[in-house]
Amino acid sequence: MARRIVWSKRSQEDRKRIFSYWNKRNESKDYSRKLNKLLNEAAEFVAENPNTGKVTKRRGIRVKFVSHLH
């Protein structure tokens, strides 16, 4: 059973700033859409595989690194 992913307020704000940066830099939303898709896919993967990702010092918190490079 998949778990629910909770995005912190900071992560939500960071995500908006990242998309805004790329939208302005590229004068297009295409790359932001690609990043958004990658982030959503990573979140779904973590929800289905909760023991993946890097363990942090905070109990119950893990970090998942996402890259557009394959």
Protein backbone atom coordinates (compact mmCIF):
# COMPACT_ATOMS: atom_id res chain seq x y z
CA MET A 1 0.00 0.00 0.00
CA ALA A 2 1.38 3.39 -0.99
CA ARG A 3 1.98 5.99 1.67
CA ARG A 4 1.08 9.63 1.45
CA ILE A 5 3.82 12.11 0.59
CA VAL A 6 3.73 15.34 2.57
CA TRP A 7 5.56 18.27 0.98
CA SER A 8 6.82 20.75 3.56
CA LYS A 9 5.95 24.41 3.13
CA ARG A 10 9.61 25.10 2.35
CA SER A 11 9.73 22.40 -0.32
CA GLN A 12 6.57 23.80 -1.93
CA GLU A 13 8.07 27.31 -1.98
CA ASP A 14 11.40 26.03 -3.30
CA ARG A 15 9.59 24.16 -6.06
CA LYS A 16 7.74 27.33 -7.12
CA ARG A 17 11.00 29.31 -7.14
CA ILE A 18 12.74 26.65 -9.20
CA PHE A 19 9.94 26.63 -11.78
CA SER A 20 9.88 30.42 -11.87
CA TYR A 21 13.64 30.55 -12.44
CA TRP A 22 13.50 28.11 -15.36
CA ASN A 23 10.43 29.77 -16.86
CA LYS A 24 12.24 33.11 -16.94
CA ARG A 25 15.59 31.69 -18.03
CA ASN A 26 14.18 29.64 -20.89
CA GLU A 27 11.26 31.95 -21.70
CA SER A 28 9.16 28.81 -21.73
CA LYS A 29 7.38 26.53 -19.27
CA ASP A 30 8.45 23.35 -21.08
CA TYR A 31 11.43 22.57 -18.84
CA SER A 32 9.42 23.33 -15.68
CA ARG A 33 6.78 20.88 -16.86
CA LYS A 34 9.49 18.26 -17.36
CA LEU A 35 10.87 18.89 -13.86
CA ASN A 36 7.38 18.77 -12.37
CA LYS A 37 6.78 15.40 -14.03
CA LEU A 38 10.09 14.07 -12.67
CA LEU A 39 9.27 15.28 -9.16
CA ASN A 40 5.79 13.76 -9.25
CA GLU A 41 7.16 10.45 -10.53
CA ALA A 42 9.79 10.45 -7.77
CA ALA A 43 7.12 11.19 -5.15
CA GLU A 44 4.97 8.31 -6.43
CA PHE A 45 7.99 6.00 -6.35
CA VAL A 46 8.77 6.97 -2.76
CA ALA A 47 5.12 6.53 -1.75
CA GLU A 48 5.24 2.98 -3.11
CA ASN A 49 8.79 2.29 -1.82
CA PRO A 50 9.04 4.17 1.49
CA ASN A 51 12.40 2.69 2.47
CA THR A 52 14.18 4.24 -0.50
CA GLY A 53 16.08 7.48 -0.27
CA LYS A 54 18.75 8.73 2.06
CA VAL A 55 18.13 8.44 5.79
CA THR A 56 18.30 11.73 7.68
CA LYS A 57 18.83 12.56 11.35
CA ARG A 58 15.12 13.33 11.66
CA ARG A 59 13.05 10.29 12.59
CA GLY A 60 10.80 9.17 9.76
CA ILE A 61 12.33 11.60 7.25
CA ARG A 62 14.21 10.50 4.14
CA VAL A 63 15.61 12.47 1.22
CA LYS A 64 15.08 11.51 -2.41
CA PHE A 65 17.41 13.07 -4.95
CA VAL A 66 15.93 13.71 -8.37
CA SER A 67 17.92 14.50 -11.49
CA HIS A 68 16.92 15.36 -15.01
CA LEU A 69 20.02 13.51 -16.19
CA HIS A 70 19.50 9.86 -17.01
